Amino acid sequence: MPDEPARPLSPSEGAGSAPVKVTVCAGSSCHVRGSRTVLGRFAEIVKVEGLGDRVALVGSFCMERCGEGVNWKIDDEEITSATVEEAEATFRGRVVDAARKG
């Protein structure tokens, strides 16, 4: 199942004292589909963009949505990406852009 069209985070979602929490599934199915690479790319983007105080990256055990793709969440919103590149594009559009504005 591909990602939904990008919906930017509202200013209240990307700003304030609490960072945006991005959780990436590290279960075996997601691992095979590239979740480790996704988490690494997200971490590199956060570092390069200087967003370490605005974005918290977390690994998770199985999110119980195996077979859908690489599963991850922005705060409590579940996202499935068919490819690593799709996950990165969604992350940049939804998280990085909002965090820069915050």
PDB file of N, CA and C in Angstrom:
ATOM      1  N   MET A   1       0.849  -1.164   0.000  1.00  0.00           N
ATOM      2  CA  MET A   1       0.000   0.000   0.000  1.00  0.00           C
ATOM      3  C   MET A   1       0.896   1.230   0.000  1.00  0.00           C
ATOM      4  N   PRO A   2       0.796   2.127  -0.961  1.00  0.00           N
ATOM      5  CA  PRO A   2       1.650   3.317  -1.026  1.00  0.00           C
ATOM      6  C   PRO A   2       1.228   4.350   0.001  1.00  0.00           C
ATOM      7  N   ASP A   3       2.144   5.285   0.259  1.00  0.00           N
ATOM      8  CA  ASP A   3       1.863   6.372   1.187  1.00  0.00           C
ATOM      9  C   ASP A   3       0.686   7.190   0.687  1.00  0.00           C
ATOM     10  N   GLU A   4       0.015   7.822   1.627  1.00  0.00           N
ATOM     11  CA  GLU A   4      -1.022   8.779   1.293  1.00  0.00           C
ATOM     12  C   GLU A   4      -0.337  10.030   0.751  1.00  0.00           C
ATOM     13  N   PRO A   5      -1.048  10.873   0.016  1.00  0.00           N
ATOM     14  CA  PRO A   5      -0.435  12.132  -0.427  1.00  0.00           C
ATOM     15  C   PRO A   5       0.069  12.913   0.776  1.00  0.00           C
ATOM     16  N   ALA A   6       1.163  13.599   0.575  1.00  0.00           N
ATOM     17  CA  ALA A   6       1.804  14.317   1.676  1.00  0.00           C
ATOM     18  C   ALA A   6       0.871  15.366   2.248  1.00  0.00           C
ATOM     19  N   ARG A   7       0.720  15.336   3.544  1.00  0.00           N
ATOM     20  CA  ARG A   7      -0.025  16.341   4.288  1.00  0.00           C
ATOM     21  C   ARG A   7       0.969  16.966   5.243  1.00  0.00           C
ATOM     22  N   PRO A   8       1.314  18.235   5.038  1.00  0.00           N
ATOM     23  CA  PRO A   8       2.276  18.856   5.948  1.00  0.00           C
ATOM     24  C   PRO A   8       1.740  18.860   7.369  1.00  0.00           C
ATOM     25  N   LEU A   9       2.636  18.760   8.322  1.00  0.00           N
ATOM     26  CA  LEU A   9       2.246  18.870   9.717  1.00  0.00           C
ATOM     27  C   LEU A   9       1.820  20.299   9.992  1.00  0.00           C
ATOM     28  N   SER A  10       0.865  20.478  10.882  1.00  0.00           N
ATOM     29  CA  SER A  10       0.489  21.830  11.272  1.00  0.00           C
ATOM     30  C   SER A  10       1.619  22.397  12.119  1.00  0.00           C
ATOM     31  N   PRO A  11       1.677  23.721  12.260  1.00  0.00           N
ATOM     32  CA  PRO A  11       2.739  24.301  13.081  1.00  0.00           C
ATOM     33  C   PRO A  11       2.775  23.727  14.490  1.00  0.00           C
ATOM     34  N   SER A  12       1.619  23.416  15.066  1.00  0.00           N
ATOM     35  CA  SER A  12       1.626  22.864  16.415  1.00  0.00           C
ATOM     36  C   SER A  12       2.183  21.456  16.452  1.00  0.00           C
ATOM     37  N   GLU A  13       2.093  20.721  15.337  1.00  0.00           N
ATOM     38  CA  GLU A  13       2.646  19.378  15.286  1.00  0.00           C
ATOM     39  C   GLU A  13       4.156  19.399  15.120  1.00  0.00           C
ATOM     40  N   GLY A  14       4.696  20.397  14.457  1.00  0.00           N
ATOM     41  CA  GLY A  14       6.122  20.424  14.185  1.00  0.00           C
ATOM     42  C   GLY A  14       6.918  21.332  15.085  1.00  0.00           C
ATOM     43  N   ALA A  15       6.243  22.091  15.924  1.00  0.00           N
ATOM     44  CA  ALA A  15       6.950  23.058  16.750  1.00  0.00           C
ATOM     45  C   ALA A  15       6.656  22.808  18.221  1.00  0.00           C
ATOM     46  N   GLY A  16       7.232  23.652  19.054  1.00  0.00           N
ATOM     47  CA  GLY A  16       6.984  23.542  20.482  1.00  0.00           C
ATOM     48  C   GLY A  16       8.110  22.806  21.170  1.00  0.00           C
ATOM     49  N   SER A  17       7.888  22.498  22.438  1.00  0.00           N
ATOM     50  CA  SER A  17       8.941  21.892  23.230  1.00  0.00           C
ATOM     51  C   SER A  17       9.132  20.414  22.932  1.00  0.00           C
ATOM     52  N   ALA A  18       8.071  19.709  22.562  1.00  0.00           N
ATOM     53  CA  ALA A  18       8.185  18.276  22.298  1.00  0.00           C
ATOM     54  C   ALA A  18       8.537  18.042  20.833  1.00  0.00           C
ATOM     55  N   PRO A  19       9.574  17.244  20.578  1.00  0.00           N
ATOM     56  CA  PRO A  19       9.920  16.967  19.184  1.00  0.00           C
ATOM     57  C   PRO A  19       8.889  16.054  18.535  1.00  0.00           C
ATOM     58  N   VAL A  20       8.853  16.087  17.208  1.00  0.00           N
ATOM     59  CA  VAL A  20       8.035  15.143  16.461  1.00  0.00           C
ATOM     60  C   VAL A  20       8.680  13.776  16.653  1.00  0.00           C
ATOM     61  N   LYS A  21       7.890  12.786  17.024  1.00  0.00           N
ATOM     62  CA  LYS A  21       8.406  11.437  17.241  1.00  0.00           C
ATOM     63  C   LYS A  21       8.163  10.596  15.993  1.00  0.00           C
ATOM     64  N   VAL A  22       9.240  10.107  15.412  1.00  0.00           N
ATOM     65  CA  VAL A  22       9.160   9.240  14.234  1.00  0.00           C
ATOM     66  C   VAL A  22       9.631   7.857  14.654  1.00  0.00           C
ATOM     67  N   THR A  23       8.741   6.884  14.534  1.00  0.00           N
ATOM     68  CA  THR A  23       9.015   5.516  14.944  1.00  0.00           C
ATOM     69  C   THR A  23       9.073   4.629  13.715  1.00  0.00           C
ATOM     70  N   VAL A  24      10.136   3.845  13.586  1.00  0.00           N
ATOM     71  CA  VAL A  24      10.309   2.949  12.446  1.00  0.00           C
ATOM     72  C   VAL A  24      10.295   1.511  12.943  1.00  0.00           C
ATOM     73  N   CYS A  25       9.458   0.691  12.321  1.00  0.00           N
ATOM     74  CA  CYS A  25       9.367  -0.725  12.687  1.00  0.00           C
ATOM     75  C   CYS A  25      10.676  -1.436  12.346  1.00  0.00           C
ATOM     76  N   ALA A  26      11.143  -2.241  13.292  1.00  0.00           N
ATOM     77  CA  ALA A  26      12.366  -3.017  13.078  1.00  0.00           C
ATOM     78  C   ALA A  26      12.078  -4.516  13.124  1.00  0.00           C
ATOM     79  N   GLY A  27      10.805  -4.876  12.970  1.00  0.00           N
ATOM     80  CA  GLY A  27      10.447  -6.291  12.926  1.00  0.00           C
ATOM     81  C   GLY A  27      11.053  -6.960  11.703  1.00  0.00           C
ATOM     82  N   SER A  28      11.059  -8.279  11.683  1.00  0.00           N
ATOM     83  CA  SER A  28      11.762  -9.009  10.624  1.00  0.00           C
ATOM     84  C   SER A  28      11.230  -8.703   9.227  1.00  0.00           C
ATOM     85  N   SER A  29       9.931  -8.579   9.051  1.00  0.00           N
ATOM     86  CA  SER A  29       9.370  -8.301   7.729  1.00  0.00           C
ATOM     87  C   SER A  29       9.787  -6.912   7.237  1.00  0.00           C
ATOM     88  N   CYS A  30       9.683  -5.917   8.105  1.00  0.00           N
ATOM     89  CA  CYS A  30      10.085  -4.558   7.728  1.00  0.00           C
ATOM     90  C   CYS A  30      11.601  -4.470   7.535  1.00  0.00           C
ATOM     91  N   HIS A  31      12.340  -5.214   8.348  1.00  0.00           N
ATOM     92  CA  HIS A  31      13.795  -5.224   8.211  1.00  0.00           C
ATOM     93  C   HIS A  31      14.189  -5.701   6.814  1.00  0.00           C
ATOM     94  N   VAL A  32      13.548  -6.773   6.354  1.00  0.00           N
ATOM     95  CA  VAL A  32      13.826  -7.306   5.015  1.00  0.00           C
ATOM     96  C   VAL A  32      13.473  -6.281   3.941  1.00  0.00           C
ATOM     97  N   ARG A  33      12.465  -5.480   4.179  1.00  0.00           N
ATOM     98  CA  ARG A  33      12.014  -4.472   3.209  1.00  0.00           C
ATOM     99  C   ARG A  33      12.814  -3.174   3.277  1.00  0.00           C
ATOM    100  N   GLY A  34      13.734  -3.069   4.251  1.00  0.00           N
ATOM    101  CA  GLY A  34      14.617  -1.907   4.284  1.00  0.00           C
ATOM    102  C   GLY A  34      14.439  -0.947   5.436  1.00  0.00           C
ATOM    103  N   SER A  35      13.791  -1.372   6.514  1.00  0.00           N
ATOM    104  CA  SER A  35      13.553  -0.434   7.617  1.00  0.00           C
ATOM    105  C   SER A  35      14.853   0.081   8.245  1.00  0.00           C
ATOM    106  N   ARG A  36      15.865  -0.751   8.280  1.00  0.00           N
ATOM    107  CA  ARG A  36      17.149  -0.297   8.839  1.00  0.00           C
ATOM    108  C   ARG A  36      17.727   0.820   7.971  1.00  0.00           C
ATOM    109  N   THR A  37      17.629   0.675   6.667  1.00  0.00           N
ATOM    110  CA  THR A  37      18.089   1.717   5.746  1.00  0.00           C
ATOM    111  C   THR A  37      17.251   2.977   5.908  1.00  0.00           C
ATOM    112  N   VAL A  38      15.929   2.816   6.057  1.00  0.00           N
ATOM    113  CA  VAL A  38      15.038   3.958   6.268  1.00  0.00           C
ATOM    114  C   VAL A  38      15.450   4.719   7.522  1.00  0.00           C
ATOM    115  N   LEU A  39      15.643   4.027   8.622  1.00  0.00           N
ATOM    116  CA  LEU A  39      16.025   4.682   9.866  1.00  0.00           C
ATOM    117  C   LEU A  39      17.370   5.400   9.709  1.00  0.00           C
ATOM    118  N   GLY A  40      18.311   4.771   9.006  1.00  0.00           N
ATOM    119  CA  GLY A  40      19.605   5.402   8.749  1.00  0.00           C
ATOM    120  C   GLY A  40      19.483   6.659   7.917  1.00  0.00           C
ATOM    121  N   ARG A  41      18.641   6.613   6.890  1.00  0.00           N
ATOM    122  CA  ARG A  41      18.438   7.814   6.054  1.00  0.00           C
ATOM    123  C   ARG A  41      17.763   8.921   6.847  1.00  0.00           C
ATOM    124  N   PHE A  42      16.752   8.558   7.635  1.00  0.00           N
ATOM    125  CA  PHE A  42      16.094   9.561   8.463  1.00  0.00           C
ATOM    126  C   PHE A  42      17.107  10.214   9.403  1.00  0.00           C
ATOM    127  N   ALA A  43      17.948   9.408  10.030  1.00  0.00           N
ATOM    128  CA  ALA A  43      18.953   9.932  10.964  1.00  0.00           C
ATOM    129  C   ALA A  43      19.926  10.871  10.257  1.00  0.00           C
ATOM    130  N   GLU A  44      20.347  10.504   9.070  1.00  0.00           N
ATOM    131  CA  GLU A  44      21.269  11.356   8.307  1.00  0.00           C
ATOM    132  C   GLU A  44      20.603  12.677   7.936  1.00  0.00           C
ATOM    133  N   ILE A  45      19.352  12.626   7.519  1.00  0.00           N
ATOM    134  CA  ILE A  45      18.618  13.852   7.168  1.00  0.00           C
ATOM    135  C   ILE A  45      18.491  14.757   8.390  1.00  0.00           C
ATOM    136  N   VAL A  46      18.123  14.189   9.525  1.00  0.00           N
ATOM    137  CA  VAL A  46      17.986  14.976  10.756  1.00  0.00           C
ATOM    138  C   VAL A  46      19.316  15.639  11.101  1.00  0.00           C
ATOM    139  N   LYS A  47      20.410  14.899  10.963  1.00  0.00           N
ATOM    140  CA  LYS A  47      21.734  15.434  11.272  1.00  0.00           C
ATOM    141  C   LYS A  47      22.107  16.566  10.314  1.00  0.00           C
ATOM    142  N   VAL A  48      21.978  16.323   9.013  1.00  0.00           N
ATOM    143  CA  VAL A  48      22.355  17.316   8.001  1.00  0.00           C
ATOM    144  C   VAL A  48      21.511  18.584   8.126  1.00  0.00           C
ATOM    145  N   GLU A  49      20.230  18.415   8.415  1.00  0.00           N
ATOM    146  CA  GLU A  49      19.316  19.554   8.514  1.00  0.00           C
ATOM    147  C   GLU A  49      19.371  20.240   9.885  1.00  0.00           C
ATOM    148  N   GLY A  50      20.123  19.661  10.840  1.00  0.00           N
ATOM    149  CA  GLY A  50      20.242  20.256  12.164  1.00  0.00           C
ATOM    150  C   GLY A  50      18.939  20.227  12.960  1.00  0.00           C
ATOM    151  N   LEU A  51      18.202  19.126  12.839  1.00  0.00           N
ATOM    152  CA  LEU A  51      16.888  19.030  13.467  1.00  0.00           C
ATOM    153  C   LEU A  51      16.857  18.082  14.661  1.00  0.00           C
ATOM    154  N   GLY A  52      18.007  17.794  15.236  1.00  0.00           N
ATOM    155  CA  GLY A  52      18.076  16.850  16.337  1.00  0.00           C
ATOM    156  C   GLY A  52      17.232  17.224  17.544  1.00  0.00           C
ATOM    157  N   ASP A  53      16.983  18.518  17.737  1.00  0.00           N
ATOM    158  CA  ASP A  53      16.159  18.954  18.862  1.00  0.00           C
ATOM    159  C   ASP A  53      14.676  19.002  18.522  1.00  0.00           C
ATOM    160  N   ARG A  54      14.338  18.787  17.251  1.00  0.00           N
ATOM    161  CA  ARG A  54      12.940  18.879  16.814  1.00  0.00           C
ATOM    162  C   ARG A  54      12.355  17.557  16.338  1.00  0.00           C
ATOM    163  N   VAL A  55      13.223  16.574  16.074  1.00  0.00           N
ATOM    164  CA  VAL A  55      12.763  15.275  15.574  1.00  0.00           C
ATOM    165  C   VAL A  55      13.416  14.174  16.404  1.00  0.00           C
ATOM    166  N   ALA A  56      12.605  13.315  17.000  1.00  0.00           N
ATOM    167  CA  ALA A  56      13.097  12.168  17.773  1.00  0.00           C
ATOM    168  C   ALA A  56      12.864  10.905  16.956  1.00  0.00           C
ATOM    169  N   LEU A  57      13.933  10.184  16.627  1.00  0.00           N
ATOM    170  CA  LEU A  57      13.840   8.937  15.870  1.00  0.00           C
ATOM    171  C   LEU A  57      13.904   7.761  16.831  1.00  0.00           C
ATOM    172  N   VAL A  58      12.988   6.812  16.641  1.00  0.00           N
ATOM    173  CA  VAL A  58      12.873   5.678  17.534  1.00  0.00           C
ATOM    174  C   VAL A  58      12.666   4.408  16.710  1.00  0.00           C
ATOM    175  N   GLY A  59      13.331   3.329  17.090  1.00  0.00           N
ATOM    176  CA  GLY A  59      13.060   2.024  16.504  1.00  0.00           C
ATOM    177  C   GLY A  59      11.991   1.331  17.323  1.00  0.00           C
ATOM    178  N   SER A  60      11.255   0.434  16.695  1.00  0.00           N
ATOM    179  CA  SER A  60      10.165  -0.247  17.383  1.00  0.00           C
ATOM    180  C   SER A  60      10.174  -1.720  17.022  1.00  0.00           C
ATOM    181  N   PHE A  61       9.684  -2.544  17.944  1.00  0.00           N
ATOM    182  CA  PHE A  61       9.444  -3.939  17.587  1.00  0.00           C
ATOM    183  C   PHE A  61       8.284  -3.961  16.601  1.00  0.00           C
ATOM    184  N   CYS A  62       7.893  -5.107  16.171  1.00  0.00           N
ATOM    185  CA  CYS A  62       6.865  -5.257  15.145  1.00  0.00           C
ATOM    186  C   CYS A  62       5.633  -4.397  15.415  1.00  0.00           C
ATOM    187  N   MET A  63       5.194  -3.697  14.371  1.00  0.00           N
ATOM    188  CA  MET A  63       3.993  -2.871  14.455  1.00  0.00           C
ATOM    189  C   MET A  63       2.747  -3.651  14.027  1.00  0.00           C
ATOM    190  N   GLU A  64       2.934  -4.931  13.751  1.00  0.00           N
ATOM    191  CA  GLU A  64       1.851  -5.850  13.404  1.00  0.00           C
ATOM    192  C   GLU A  64       1.096  -5.466  12.138  1.00  0.00           C
ATOM    193  N   ARG A  65       1.823  -4.935  11.163  1.00  0.00           N
ATOM    194  CA  ARG A  65       1.258  -4.634   9.851  1.00  0.00           C
ATOM    195  C   ARG A  65       2.156  -5.263   8.784  1.00  0.00           C
ATOM    196  N   CYS A  66       2.659  -6.431   9.078  1.00  0.00           N
ATOM    197  CA  CYS A  66       3.596  -7.137   8.204  1.00  0.00           C
ATOM    198  C   CYS A  66       3.007  -7.323   6.810  1.00  0.00           C
ATOM    199  N   GLY A  67       3.869  -7.241   5.822  1.00  0.00           N
ATOM    200  CA  GLY A  67       3.454  -7.483   4.450  1.00  0.00           C
ATOM    201  C   GLY A  67       2.963  -6.252   3.727  1.00  0.00           C
ATOM    202  N   GLU A  68       2.806  -5.139   4.420  1.00  0.00           N
ATOM    203  CA  GLU A  68       2.314  -3.921   3.788  1.00  0.00           C
ATOM    204  C   GLU A  68       3.443  -3.080   3.186  1.00  0.00           C
ATOM    205  N   GLY A  69       4.654  -3.258   3.642  1.00  0.00           N
ATOM    206  CA  GLY A  69       5.792  -2.443   3.224  1.00  0.00           C
ATOM    207  C   GLY A  69       6.607  -2.105   4.451  1.00  0.00           C
ATOM    208  N   VAL A  70       7.392  -1.039   4.383  1.00  0.00           N
ATOM    209  CA  VAL A  70       8.122  -0.558   5.550  1.00  0.00           C
ATOM    210  C   VAL A  70       7.139   0.288   6.355  1.00  0.00           C
ATOM    211  N   ASN A  71       6.920  -0.093   7.589  1.00  0.00           N
ATOM    212  CA  ASN A  71       5.948   0.587   8.437  1.00  0.00           C
ATOM    213  C   ASN A  71       6.644   1.532   9.399  1.00  0.00           C
ATOM    214  N   TRP A  72       6.075   2.710   9.545  1.00  0.00           N
ATOM    215  CA  TRP A  72       6.625   3.710  10.448  1.00  0.00           C
ATOM    216  C   TRP A  72       5.521   4.668  10.853  1.00  0.00           C
ATOM    217  N   LYS A  73       5.797   5.521  11.815  1.00  0.00           N
ATOM    218  CA  LYS A  73       4.787   6.454  12.308  1.00  0.00           C
ATOM    219  C   LYS A  73       5.387   7.840  12.504  1.00  0.00           C
ATOM    220  N   ILE A  74       4.569   8.844  12.282  1.00  0.00           N
ATOM    221  CA  ILE A  74       4.866  10.216  12.674  1.00  0.00           C
ATOM    222  C   ILE A  74       3.944  10.468  13.857  1.00  0.00           C
ATOM    223  N   ASP A  75       4.519  10.595  15.039  1.00  0.00           N
ATOM    224  CA  ASP A  75       3.762  10.622  16.286  1.00  0.00           C
ATOM    225  C   ASP A  75       2.858   9.389  16.299  1.00  0.00           C
ATOM    226  N   ASP A  76       1.544   9.533  16.230  1.00  0.00           N
ATOM    227  CA  ASP A  76       0.651   8.369  16.277  1.00  0.00           C
ATOM    228  C   ASP A  76       0.070   7.989  14.919  1.00  0.00           C
ATOM    229  N   GLU A  77       0.446   8.702  13.864  1.00  0.00           N
ATOM    230  CA  GLU A  77      -0.086   8.430  12.533  1.00  0.00           C
ATOM    231  C   GLU A  77       0.727   7.328  11.846  1.00  0.00           C
ATOM    232  N   GLU A  78       0.075   6.225  11.527  1.00  0.00           N
ATOM    233  CA  GLU A  78       0.748   5.097  10.879  1.00  0.00           C
ATOM    234  C   GLU A  78       0.942   5.369   9.386  1.00  0.00           C
ATOM    235  N   ILE A  79       2.135   5.025   8.901  1.00  0.00           N
ATOM    236  CA  ILE A  79       2.491   5.223   7.493  1.00  0.00           C
ATOM    237  C   ILE A  79       3.133   3.948   6.988  1.00  0.00           C
ATOM    238  N   THR A  80       2.827   3.595   5.753  1.00  0.00           N
ATOM    239  CA  THR A  80       3.475   2.469   5.096  1.00  0.00           C
ATOM    240  C   THR A  80       4.095   2.983   3.810  1.00  0.00           C
ATOM    241  N   SER A  81       5.358   2.641   3.591  1.00  0.00           N
ATOM    242  CA  SER A  81       6.066   3.043   2.380  1.00  0.00           C
ATOM    243  C   SER A  81       6.472   1.797   1.613  1.00  0.00           C
ATOM    244  N   ALA A  82       6.226   1.810   0.311  1.00  0.00           N
ATOM    245  CA  ALA A  82       6.557   0.664  -0.528  1.00  0.00           C
ATOM    246  C   ALA A  82       8.057   0.525  -0.736  1.00  0.00           C
ATOM    247  N   THR A  83       8.780   1.656  -0.696  1.00  0.00           N
ATOM    248  CA  THR A  83      10.224   1.638  -0.925  1.00  0.00           C
ATOM    249  C   THR A  83      10.921   2.570   0.060  1.00  0.00           C
ATOM    250  N   VAL A  84      12.217   2.412   0.165  1.00  0.00           N
ATOM    251  CA  VAL A  84      13.031   3.295   0.997  1.00  0.00           C
ATOM    252  C   VAL A  84      12.926   4.724   0.474  1.00  0.00           C
ATOM    253  N   GLU A  85      12.968   4.876  -0.830  1.00  0.00           N
ATOM    254  CA  GLU A  85      12.900   6.205  -1.445  1.00  0.00           C
ATOM    255  C   GLU A  85      11.564   6.890  -1.147  1.00  0.00           C
ATOM    256  N   GLU A  86      10.498   6.119  -1.171  1.00  0.00           N
ATOM    257  CA  GLU A  86       9.176   6.669  -0.863  1.00  0.00           C
ATOM    258  C   GLU A  86       9.118   7.129   0.596  1.00  0.00           C
ATOM    259  N   ALA A  87       9.684   6.342   1.491  1.00  0.00           N
ATOM    260  CA  ALA A  87       9.722   6.718   2.905  1.00  0.00           C
ATOM    261  C   ALA A  87      10.510   8.016   3.079  1.00  0.00           C
ATOM    262  N   GLU A  88      11.644   8.116   2.414  1.00  0.00           N
ATOM    263  CA  GLU A  88      12.466   9.321   2.525  1.00  0.00           C
ATOM    264  C   GLU A  88      11.724  10.543   2.003  1.00  0.00           C
ATOM    265  N   ALA A  89      11.049  10.417   0.869  1.00  0.00           N
ATOM    266  CA  ALA A  89      10.308  11.543   0.304  1.00  0.00           C
ATOM    267  C   ALA A  89       9.189  11.987   1.248  1.00  0.00           C
ATOM    268  N   THR A  90       8.492  11.034   1.834  1.00  0.00           N
ATOM    269  CA  THR A  90       7.423  11.363   2.772  1.00  0.00           C
ATOM    270  C   THR A  90       7.992  12.027   4.014  1.00  0.00           C
ATOM    271  N   PHE A  91       9.102  11.501   4.522  1.00  0.00           N
ATOM    272  CA  PHE A  91       9.758  12.074   5.695  1.00  0.00           C
ATOM    273  C   PHE A  91      10.164  13.521   5.426  1.00  0.00           C
ATOM    274  N   ARG A  92      10.779  13.755   4.272  1.00  0.00           N
ATOM    275  CA  ARG A  92      11.197  15.120   3.931  1.00  0.00           C
ATOM    276  C   ARG A  92       9.992  16.053   3.823  1.00  0.00           C
ATOM    277  N   GLY A  93       8.940  15.589   3.162  1.00  0.00           N
ATOM    278  CA  GLY A  93       7.765  16.426   2.957  1.00  0.00           C
ATOM    279  C   GLY A  93       6.929  16.668   4.193  1.00  0.00           C
ATOM    280  N   ARG A  94       6.853  15.689   5.050  1.00  0.00           N
ATOM    281  CA  ARG A  94       5.978  15.785   6.220  1.00  0.00           C
ATOM    282  C   ARG A  94       6.690  16.241   7.468  1.00  0.00           C
ATOM    283  N   VAL A  95       7.898  15.761   7.687  1.00  0.00           N
ATOM    284  CA  VAL A  95       8.595  16.021   8.958  1.00  0.00           C
ATOM    285  C   VAL A  95       9.613  17.149   8.823  1.00  0.00           C
ATOM    286  N   VAL A  96      10.504  17.044   7.872  1.00  0.00           N
ATOM    287  CA  VAL A  96      11.595  18.030   7.743  1.00  0.00           C
ATOM    288  C   VAL A  96      11.047  19.417   7.452  1.00  0.00           C
ATOM    289  N   ASP A  97      10.135  19.525   6.493  1.00  0.00           N
ATOM    290  CA  ASP A  97       9.605  20.844   6.147  1.00  0.00           C
ATOM    291  C   ASP A  97       8.904  21.493   7.342  1.00  0.00           C
ATOM    292  N   ALA A  98       8.115  20.723   8.082  1.00  0.00           N
ATOM    293  CA  ALA A  98       7.408  21.253   9.245  1.00  0.00           C
ATOM    294  C   ALA A  98       8.388  21.625  10.368  1.00  0.00           C
ATOM    295  N   ALA A  99       9.404  20.817  10.573  1.00  0.00           N
ATOM    296  CA  ALA A  99      10.377  21.092  11.626  1.00  0.00           C
ATOM    297  C   ALA A  99      11.188  22.348  11.325  1.00  0.00           C
ATOM    298  N   ARG A 100      11.479  22.575  10.058  1.00  0.00           N
ATOM    299  CA  ARG A 100      12.210  23.800   9.674  1.00  0.00           C
ATOM    300  C   ARG A 100      11.385  25.049  10.002  1.00  0.00           C
ATOM    301  N   LYS A 101      10.073  24.950   9.782  1.00  0.00           N
ATOM    302  CA  LYS A 101       9.191  26.097  10.027  1.00  0.00           C
ATOM    303  C   LYS A 101       8.998  26.348  11.507  1.00  0.00           C
ATOM    304  N   GLY A 102       9.090  25.256  12.300  1.00  0.00           N
ATOM    305  CA  GLY A 102       8.847  25.355  13.740  1.00  0.00           C
ATOM    306  C   GLY A 102       9.917  26.054  14.423  1.00  0.00           C
TER     307      GLY A 102
END
